[in-house]
N, C-alpha and C. Protein backbone atom coordinates (compact mmCIF):
# COMPACT_ATOMS: atom_id res chain seq x y z
N MET A 1 -2.91 66.70 48.44
CA MET A 1 -2.94 66.23 49.81
C MET A 1 -4.25 66.66 50.46
N THR A 2 -4.72 65.79 51.31
CA THR A 2 -5.94 66.15 52.02
C THR A 2 -5.59 67.03 53.19
N ASN A 3 -6.57 67.57 53.82
CA ASN A 3 -6.38 68.47 54.96
C ASN A 3 -5.68 67.75 56.11
N THR A 4 -6.04 66.51 56.37
CA THR A 4 -5.43 65.74 57.46
C THR A 4 -3.98 65.40 57.15
N SER A 5 -3.73 64.98 55.93
CA SER A 5 -2.35 64.64 55.58
C SER A 5 -1.46 65.88 55.55
N THR A 6 -2.00 67.03 55.19
CA THR A 6 -1.24 68.28 55.23
C THR A 6 -0.87 68.62 56.67
N HIS A 7 -1.84 68.42 57.54
CA HIS A 7 -1.60 68.68 58.97
C HIS A 7 -0.47 67.78 59.49
N TRP A 8 -0.54 66.48 59.17
CA TRP A 8 0.49 65.55 59.65
C TRP A 8 1.85 65.86 59.02
N PHE A 9 1.83 66.29 57.78
CA PHE A 9 3.08 66.67 57.12
C PHE A 9 3.72 67.86 57.84
N LYS A 10 2.92 68.84 58.20
CA LYS A 10 3.42 70.01 58.93
C LYS A 10 3.96 69.61 60.31
N VAL A 11 3.25 68.72 60.98
CA VAL A 11 3.70 68.25 62.30
C VAL A 11 5.02 67.50 62.16
N LEU A 12 5.12 66.65 61.15
CA LEU A 12 6.35 65.91 60.92
C LEU A 12 7.52 66.84 60.61
N CYS A 13 7.29 67.84 59.79
CA CYS A 13 8.33 68.81 59.46
C CYS A 13 8.78 69.58 60.70
N ALA A 14 7.82 69.97 61.51
CA ALA A 14 8.15 70.69 62.75
C ALA A 14 8.98 69.81 63.68
N ALA A 15 8.61 68.54 63.77
CA ALA A 15 9.35 67.61 64.63
C ALA A 15 10.79 67.44 64.12
N VAL A 16 10.96 67.34 62.82
CA VAL A 16 12.29 67.21 62.24
C VAL A 16 13.13 68.45 62.54
N VAL A 17 12.54 69.62 62.41
CA VAL A 17 13.26 70.86 62.69
C VAL A 17 13.68 70.92 64.16
N VAL A 18 12.75 70.58 65.05
CA VAL A 18 13.05 70.61 66.48
C VAL A 18 14.15 69.61 66.82
N LEU A 19 14.05 68.39 66.31
CA LEU A 19 15.06 67.38 66.60
C LEU A 19 16.42 67.76 66.02
N THR A 20 16.43 68.30 64.82
CA THR A 20 17.69 68.73 64.21
C THR A 20 18.33 69.84 65.01
N ALA A 21 17.55 70.80 65.41
CA ALA A 21 18.09 71.92 66.21
C ALA A 21 18.58 71.42 67.56
N GLY A 22 17.83 70.51 68.15
CA GLY A 22 18.22 69.97 69.47
C GLY A 22 19.52 69.21 69.40
N CYS A 23 19.70 68.39 68.40
CA CYS A 23 20.92 67.59 68.27
C CYS A 23 22.13 68.45 67.95
N SER A 24 21.94 69.42 67.08
CA SER A 24 23.09 70.25 66.70
C SER A 24 23.48 71.20 67.83
N SER A 25 22.51 71.58 68.66
CA SER A 25 22.83 72.51 69.75
C SER A 25 23.65 71.84 70.84
N LEU A 26 23.64 70.52 70.92
CA LEU A 26 24.43 69.81 71.93
C LEU A 26 25.92 69.91 71.62
N LYS A 27 26.28 69.98 70.35
CA LYS A 27 27.69 69.99 69.98
C LYS A 27 28.39 71.25 70.49
N THR A 28 27.73 72.39 70.35
CA THR A 28 28.34 73.65 70.78
C THR A 28 28.62 73.67 72.28
N PRO A 29 27.63 73.33 73.14
CA PRO A 29 27.93 73.31 74.57
C PRO A 29 29.00 72.27 74.91
N ALA A 30 28.96 71.13 74.22
CA ALA A 30 29.96 70.10 74.51
C ALA A 30 31.36 70.61 74.17
N THR A 31 31.49 71.25 73.03
CA THR A 31 32.79 71.80 72.63
C THR A 31 33.25 72.85 73.64
N ALA A 32 32.33 73.70 74.06
CA ALA A 32 32.68 74.73 75.04
C ALA A 32 33.05 74.12 76.38
N ASP A 33 32.27 73.14 76.83
CA ASP A 33 32.56 72.50 78.12
C ASP A 33 33.91 71.80 78.10
N VAL A 34 34.20 71.12 77.01
CA VAL A 34 35.50 70.43 76.91
C VAL A 34 36.64 71.46 76.91
N ALA A 35 36.46 72.56 76.22
CA ALA A 35 37.50 73.59 76.19
C ALA A 35 37.71 74.22 77.56
N VAL A 36 36.62 74.51 78.25
CA VAL A 36 36.72 75.10 79.60
C VAL A 36 37.40 74.11 80.55
N SER A 37 37.04 72.86 80.45
CA SER A 37 37.64 71.84 81.32
C SER A 37 39.12 71.65 81.01
N LYS A 38 39.47 71.72 79.74
CA LYS A 38 40.88 71.62 79.35
C LYS A 38 41.67 72.77 79.97
N ALA A 39 41.10 73.96 79.95
CA ALA A 39 41.76 75.12 80.56
C ALA A 39 41.88 74.94 82.07
N ALA A 40 40.87 74.35 82.69
CA ALA A 40 40.92 74.10 84.14
C ALA A 40 42.03 73.12 84.48
N VAL A 41 42.19 72.09 83.66
CA VAL A 41 43.27 71.11 83.88
C VAL A 41 44.63 71.80 83.72
N GLU A 42 44.77 72.62 82.69
CA GLU A 42 46.04 73.33 82.48
C GLU A 42 46.33 74.30 83.63
N ASN A 43 45.30 74.97 84.14
CA ASN A 43 45.49 75.86 85.29
C ASN A 43 45.93 75.09 86.52
N ALA A 44 45.34 73.92 86.71
CA ALA A 44 45.71 73.09 87.86
C ALA A 44 47.16 72.63 87.76
N VAL A 45 47.58 72.29 86.56
CA VAL A 45 48.98 71.90 86.34
C VAL A 45 49.89 73.08 86.67
N GLY A 46 49.52 74.26 86.20
CA GLY A 46 50.31 75.46 86.46
C GLY A 46 50.38 75.82 87.93
N ALA A 47 49.36 75.44 88.69
CA ALA A 47 49.33 75.73 90.12
C ALA A 47 50.09 74.69 90.93
N GLY A 48 50.58 73.66 90.26
CA GLY A 48 51.31 72.62 90.98
C GLY A 48 50.47 71.41 91.32
N GLY A 49 49.35 71.26 90.65
CA GLY A 49 48.45 70.14 90.93
C GLY A 49 49.10 68.78 90.76
N ALA A 50 49.96 68.65 89.76
CA ALA A 50 50.62 67.35 89.52
C ALA A 50 51.52 66.98 90.69
N GLU A 51 52.13 67.97 91.31
CA GLU A 51 53.04 67.72 92.43
C GLU A 51 52.30 67.54 93.74
N PHE A 52 51.30 68.38 93.99
CA PHE A 52 50.64 68.39 95.29
C PHE A 52 49.33 67.63 95.35
N ALA A 53 48.75 67.29 94.21
CA ALA A 53 47.50 66.52 94.15
C ALA A 53 47.52 65.57 92.95
N PRO A 54 48.45 64.64 92.96
CA PRO A 54 48.62 63.77 91.78
C PRO A 54 47.41 62.88 91.49
N VAL A 55 46.70 62.44 92.51
CA VAL A 55 45.55 61.56 92.28
C VAL A 55 44.44 62.32 91.54
N GLU A 56 44.17 63.53 92.01
CA GLU A 56 43.13 64.34 91.38
C GLU A 56 43.52 64.73 89.95
N MET A 57 44.79 65.03 89.75
CA MET A 57 45.25 65.39 88.41
C MET A 57 45.14 64.21 87.46
N LYS A 58 45.49 63.04 87.94
CA LYS A 58 45.39 61.84 87.11
C LYS A 58 43.94 61.61 86.70
N SER A 59 43.04 61.76 87.66
CA SER A 59 41.62 61.58 87.38
C SER A 59 41.13 62.62 86.37
N ALA A 60 41.53 63.87 86.55
CA ALA A 60 41.12 64.94 85.63
C ALA A 60 41.63 64.66 84.22
N ARG A 61 42.88 64.25 84.11
CA ARG A 61 43.45 63.97 82.78
C ARG A 61 42.76 62.79 82.11
N GLU A 62 42.48 61.74 82.89
CA GLU A 62 41.80 60.57 82.32
C GLU A 62 40.40 60.95 81.83
N LYS A 63 39.68 61.73 82.62
CA LYS A 63 38.34 62.12 82.22
C LYS A 63 38.37 63.06 81.01
N MET A 64 39.39 63.89 80.92
CA MET A 64 39.52 64.75 79.73
C MET A 64 39.77 63.90 78.49
N ALA A 65 40.61 62.88 78.62
CA ALA A 65 40.88 62.00 77.48
C ALA A 65 39.60 61.29 77.05
N LEU A 66 38.81 60.84 78.02
CA LEU A 66 37.54 60.18 77.70
C LEU A 66 36.55 61.17 77.08
N ALA A 67 36.54 62.40 77.56
CA ALA A 67 35.66 63.43 76.99
C ALA A 67 36.04 63.70 75.54
N ASN A 68 37.33 63.76 75.27
CA ASN A 68 37.78 63.97 73.88
C ASN A 68 37.37 62.80 72.98
N LYS A 69 37.47 61.58 73.52
CA LYS A 69 37.04 60.42 72.74
C LYS A 69 35.53 60.47 72.48
N ALA A 70 34.77 60.89 73.49
CA ALA A 70 33.32 61.01 73.33
C ALA A 70 32.99 62.06 72.27
N MET A 71 33.74 63.14 72.25
CA MET A 71 33.53 64.17 71.23
C MET A 71 33.81 63.59 69.84
N ALA A 72 34.86 62.79 69.74
CA ALA A 72 35.25 62.22 68.44
C ALA A 72 34.16 61.32 67.87
N VAL A 73 33.45 60.62 68.76
CA VAL A 73 32.37 59.74 68.28
C VAL A 73 31.00 60.42 68.36
N LYS A 74 31.02 61.73 68.61
CA LYS A 74 29.82 62.56 68.63
C LYS A 74 28.83 62.19 69.73
N ASP A 75 29.35 61.68 70.84
CA ASP A 75 28.51 61.42 72.02
C ASP A 75 28.63 62.65 72.92
N TYR A 76 27.90 63.69 72.56
CA TYR A 76 28.07 64.99 73.19
C TYR A 76 27.60 65.02 74.64
N LYS A 77 26.57 64.27 74.95
CA LYS A 77 26.09 64.22 76.34
C LYS A 77 27.17 63.64 77.24
N LEU A 78 27.76 62.53 76.83
CA LEU A 78 28.84 61.92 77.61
C LEU A 78 30.04 62.85 77.69
N ALA A 79 30.34 63.52 76.60
CA ALA A 79 31.47 64.46 76.59
C ALA A 79 31.26 65.58 77.60
N ILE A 80 30.03 66.10 77.66
CA ILE A 80 29.73 67.17 78.63
C ILE A 80 29.88 66.65 80.06
N ASP A 81 29.34 65.47 80.32
CA ASP A 81 29.42 64.89 81.66
C ASP A 81 30.87 64.67 82.08
N LEU A 82 31.66 64.08 81.20
CA LEU A 82 33.07 63.82 81.52
C LEU A 82 33.86 65.11 81.67
N ALA A 83 33.59 66.08 80.82
CA ALA A 83 34.29 67.36 80.91
C ALA A 83 33.97 68.05 82.23
N THR A 84 32.72 67.98 82.66
CA THR A 84 32.32 68.58 83.94
C THR A 84 33.04 67.89 85.10
N GLN A 85 33.12 66.57 85.04
CA GLN A 85 33.82 65.83 86.09
C GLN A 85 35.32 66.15 86.08
N ALA A 86 35.89 66.26 84.90
CA ALA A 86 37.31 66.59 84.79
C ALA A 86 37.58 67.98 85.35
N GLN A 87 36.68 68.90 85.07
CA GLN A 87 36.84 70.26 85.58
C GLN A 87 36.78 70.27 87.11
N ALA A 88 35.86 69.50 87.69
CA ALA A 88 35.76 69.42 89.15
C ALA A 88 37.03 68.84 89.76
N ASP A 89 37.55 67.78 89.14
CA ASP A 89 38.80 67.17 89.63
C ASP A 89 39.96 68.15 89.52
N ALA A 90 40.01 68.88 88.43
CA ALA A 90 41.09 69.85 88.22
C ALA A 90 41.01 70.99 89.24
N LYS A 91 39.81 71.46 89.50
CA LYS A 91 39.65 72.53 90.50
C LYS A 91 40.03 72.04 91.89
N LEU A 92 39.69 70.80 92.20
CA LEU A 92 40.08 70.23 93.49
C LEU A 92 41.60 70.13 93.57
N ALA A 93 42.24 69.67 92.51
CA ALA A 93 43.70 69.56 92.49
C ALA A 93 44.34 70.94 92.65
N GLN A 94 43.80 71.93 91.97
CA GLN A 94 44.34 73.29 92.07
C GLN A 94 44.17 73.82 93.49
N SER A 95 43.02 73.57 94.08
CA SER A 95 42.78 74.03 95.46
C SER A 95 43.72 73.35 96.44
N LYS A 96 43.91 72.05 96.26
CA LYS A 96 44.84 71.33 97.15
C LYS A 96 46.25 71.85 96.99
N ALA A 97 46.66 72.10 95.77
CA ALA A 97 48.00 72.62 95.51
C ALA A 97 48.17 73.99 96.14
N ASN A 98 47.19 74.86 95.94
CA ASN A 98 47.27 76.20 96.53
C ASN A 98 47.29 76.14 98.06
N SER A 99 46.48 75.26 98.61
CA SER A 99 46.43 75.10 100.07
C SER A 99 47.76 74.59 100.62
N THR A 100 48.32 73.61 99.95
CA THR A 100 49.61 73.06 100.39
C THR A 100 50.71 74.10 100.30
N LYS A 101 50.73 74.86 99.21
CA LYS A 101 51.75 75.91 99.07
C LYS A 101 51.57 77.00 100.12
N ALA A 102 50.33 77.36 100.42
CA ALA A 102 50.07 78.36 101.45
C ALA A 102 50.51 77.85 102.82
N GLN A 103 50.25 76.58 103.09
CA GLN A 103 50.66 75.99 104.36
C GLN A 103 52.19 75.96 104.47
N MET A 104 52.85 75.64 103.37
CA MET A 104 54.32 75.63 103.38
C MET A 104 54.86 77.04 103.62
N ALA A 105 54.24 78.04 103.02
CA ALA A 105 54.67 79.43 103.23
C ALA A 105 54.44 79.85 104.67
N ALA A 106 53.30 79.45 105.23
CA ALA A 106 53.01 79.78 106.63
C ALA A 106 54.00 79.10 107.57
N ASP A 107 54.34 77.85 107.28
CA ASP A 107 55.32 77.13 108.09
C ASP A 107 56.69 77.80 108.03
N ALA A 108 57.08 78.23 106.82
CA ALA A 108 58.37 78.91 106.67
C ALA A 108 58.36 80.23 107.43
N LEU A 109 57.25 80.94 107.38
CA LEU A 109 57.13 82.20 108.11
C LEU A 109 57.22 81.96 109.61
N GLN A 110 56.58 80.93 110.10
CA GLN A 110 56.67 80.58 111.53
C GLN A 110 58.11 80.26 111.93
N ASP A 111 58.81 79.53 111.07
CA ASP A 111 60.22 79.23 111.34
C ASP A 111 61.05 80.51 111.41
N ASP A 112 60.80 81.43 110.49
CA ASP A 112 61.53 82.71 110.49
C ASP A 112 61.22 83.51 111.75
N ILE A 113 59.97 83.51 112.17
CA ILE A 113 59.59 84.22 113.39
C ILE A 113 60.30 83.61 114.60
N GLN A 114 60.37 82.29 114.62
CA GLN A 114 61.05 81.61 115.74
C GLN A 114 62.53 81.99 115.78
N VAL A 115 63.16 82.04 114.63
CA VAL A 115 64.58 82.42 114.56
C VAL A 115 64.76 83.84 115.07
N LEU A 116 63.89 84.74 114.64
CA LEU A 116 63.97 86.14 115.10
C LEU A 116 63.78 86.24 116.60
N ARG A 117 62.86 85.49 117.16
CA ARG A 117 62.65 85.50 118.62
C ARG A 117 63.90 85.02 119.35
N GLU A 118 64.49 83.96 118.82
CA GLU A 118 65.71 83.43 119.47
C GLU A 118 66.84 84.47 119.41
N GLU A 119 66.97 85.14 118.28
CA GLU A 119 68.00 86.18 118.15
C GLU A 119 67.72 87.35 119.09
N LEU A 120 66.48 87.72 119.26
CA LEU A 120 66.12 88.79 120.19
C LEU A 120 66.43 88.38 121.63
N ASP A 121 66.13 87.14 121.96
CA ASP A 121 66.42 86.64 123.31
C ASP A 121 67.93 86.69 123.57
N ARG A 122 68.73 86.29 122.62
CA ARG A 122 70.18 86.30 122.77
C ARG A 122 70.71 87.74 122.89
N ALA A 123 70.13 88.63 122.11
CA ALA A 123 70.60 90.03 122.13
C ALA A 123 70.21 90.72 123.43
N ASN A 124 69.13 90.30 124.07
CA ASN A 124 68.67 90.94 125.30
C ASN A 124 69.32 90.36 126.55
N ARG A 125 70.12 89.38 126.44
CA ARG A 125 70.78 88.78 127.61
C ARG A 125 71.98 89.53 128.01
């Protein structure tokens, strides 16, 4: 090989190494993102997301299914994007569920306070 062809061979080899490393490194983050998003969806379900935020839960589940399909066909960029969106929807559903449950608890507490006030008024007459 001549000096020029050796140089181009080295450049080509370096490019192959960089591209190979870049492509394989996408799979690991995609797998991690999908797993984290799956856990977020499960947490939202456990918090009552399906009952108190059904639209957000449906969206999160649909995006998780699409992320899993993207992983199956090795479209890791799409899988990461969908997993991130699913995680956001799941967190919103969990927040809505927690907020609704807290509001229900506050309402029940207000009702109990009102009952106690009425009983105090009756006892003081």
